[in-house]
Amino acid sequence: MTNSTSRLITLRLFNLTIGRIGWIAVGFRKLLVWALIKRRSEGRYVATSRFFVWQDLNER
């Protein structure tokens, strides 16, 4: 997801208007953390040990 101008303006308008209400701001922040970080982090990185077997390194 890239930051387009329209998204940044929309986020700024939200922050200047209803984003100033505490519980709405906290809820929106939790929603963003879930949508942008937690949901996408599953399966994104693979442990390096899956790419090779340790015994392959000892043969050299």
C-alpha atoms as a PDB file:
ATOM      1  CA  MET A   1       0.000   0.000   0.000  1.00  0.00           C
ATOM      2  CA  THR A   2       1.544   3.238  -1.090  1.00  0.00           C
ATOM      3  CA  ASN A   3       0.849   6.640   0.348  1.00  0.00           C
ATOM      4  CA  SER A   4      -0.987   8.562  -2.291  1.00  0.00           C
ATOM      5  CA  THR A   5      -1.808  12.215  -1.944  1.00  0.00           C
ATOM      6  CA  SER A   6      -5.518  11.551  -1.497  1.00  0.00           C
ATOM      7  CA  ARG A   7      -4.897   9.070   1.340  1.00  0.00           C
ATOM      8  CA  LEU A   8      -2.603  11.471   3.158  1.00  0.00           C
ATOM      9  CA  ILE A   9      -5.088  14.342   2.804  1.00  0.00           C
ATOM     10  CA  THR A  10      -7.914  12.107   4.024  1.00  0.00           C
ATOM     11  CA  LEU A  11      -5.896  11.010   7.057  1.00  0.00           C
ATOM     12  CA  ARG A  12      -4.977  14.626   7.832  1.00  0.00           C
ATOM     13  CA  LEU A  13      -8.617  15.735   7.619  1.00  0.00           C
ATOM     14  CA  PHE A  14      -9.619  12.875   9.903  1.00  0.00           C
ATOM     15  CA  ASN A  15      -6.948  13.935  12.427  1.00  0.00           C
ATOM     16  CA  LEU A  16      -8.099  17.559  12.355  1.00  0.00           C
ATOM     17  CA  THR A  17     -11.806  16.751  12.760  1.00  0.00           C
ATOM     18  CA  ILE A  18     -13.160  13.652  14.521  1.00  0.00           C
ATOM     19  CA  GLY A  19      -9.673  12.241  15.203  1.00  0.00           C
ATOM     20  CA  ARG A  20      -9.385  14.685  18.098  1.00  0.00           C
ATOM     21  CA  ILE A  21     -12.005  12.729  20.069  1.00  0.00           C
ATOM     22  CA  GLY A  22      -9.983  10.407  22.296  1.00  0.00           C
ATOM     23  CA  TRP A  23     -11.816   7.117  22.031  1.00  0.00           C
ATOM     24  CA  ILE A  24     -12.274   7.482  18.272  1.00  0.00           C
ATOM     25  CA  ALA A  25      -8.554   8.185  17.812  1.00  0.00           C
ATOM     26  CA  VAL A  26      -7.585   5.153  19.908  1.00  0.00           C
ATOM     27  CA  GLY A  27     -10.006   2.906  18.032  1.00  0.00           C
ATOM     28  CA  PHE A  28      -8.795   4.157  14.665  1.00  0.00           C
ATOM     29  CA  ARG A  29      -5.159   3.623  15.703  1.00  0.00           C
ATOM     30  CA  LYS A  30      -5.925   0.037  16.773  1.00  0.00           C
ATOM     31  CA  LEU A  31      -7.702  -0.555  13.477  1.00  0.00           C
ATOM     32  CA  LEU A  32      -4.701   0.755  11.528  1.00  0.00           C
ATOM     33  CA  VAL A  33      -2.249  -1.380  13.521  1.00  0.00           C
ATOM     34  CA  TRP A  34      -4.344  -4.457  12.848  1.00  0.00           C
ATOM     35  CA  ALA A  35      -4.856  -3.685   9.162  1.00  0.00           C
ATOM     36  CA  LEU A  36      -1.341  -2.553   8.304  1.00  0.00           C
ATOM     37  CA  ILE A  37       0.900  -4.548  10.632  1.00  0.00           C
ATOM     38  CA  LYS A  38      -0.664  -7.600  12.251  1.00  0.00           C
ATOM     39  CA  ARG A  39      -2.764  -8.846   9.360  1.00  0.00           C
ATOM     40  CA  ARG A  40       0.079  -8.592   6.850  1.00  0.00           C
ATOM     41  CA  SER A  41       2.854  -9.912   9.055  1.00  0.00           C
ATOM     42  CA  GLU A  42       1.556 -13.482   9.019  1.00  0.00           C
ATOM     43  CA  GLY A  43       3.607 -15.508   6.568  1.00  0.00           C
ATOM     44  CA  ARG A  44       5.549 -12.524   5.333  1.00  0.00           C
ATOM     45  CA  TYR A  45       8.964 -13.648   6.531  1.00  0.00           C
ATOM     46  CA  VAL A  46      10.322 -17.146   6.422  1.00  0.00           C
ATOM     47  CA  ALA A  47      12.995 -18.412   8.757  1.00  0.00           C
ATOM     48  CA  THR A  48      16.336 -18.760   6.968  1.00  0.00           C
ATOM     49  CA  SER A  49      16.744 -22.338   8.161  1.00  0.00           C
ATOM     50  CA  ARG A  50      14.046 -23.368   5.687  1.00  0.00           C
ATOM     51  CA  PHE A  51      16.254 -22.464   2.724  1.00  0.00           C
ATOM     52  CA  PHE A  52      19.020 -24.954   3.462  1.00  0.00           C
ATOM     53  CA  VAL A  53      19.914 -27.879   5.652  1.00  0.00           C
ATOM     54  CA  TRP A  54      22.745 -27.438   8.156  1.00  0.00           C
ATOM     55  CA  GLN A  55      24.416 -30.618   6.901  1.00  0.00           C
ATOM     56  CA  ASP A  56      24.853 -28.986   3.461  1.00  0.00           C
ATOM     57  CA  LEU A  57      27.128 -26.399   5.046  1.00  0.00           C
ATOM     58  CA  ASN A  58      29.405 -29.050   6.624  1.00  0.00           C
ATOM     59  CA  GLU A  59      30.138 -30.725   3.250  1.00  0.00           C
ATOM     60  CA  ARG A  60      32.213 -27.795   2.034  1.00  0.00           C
END
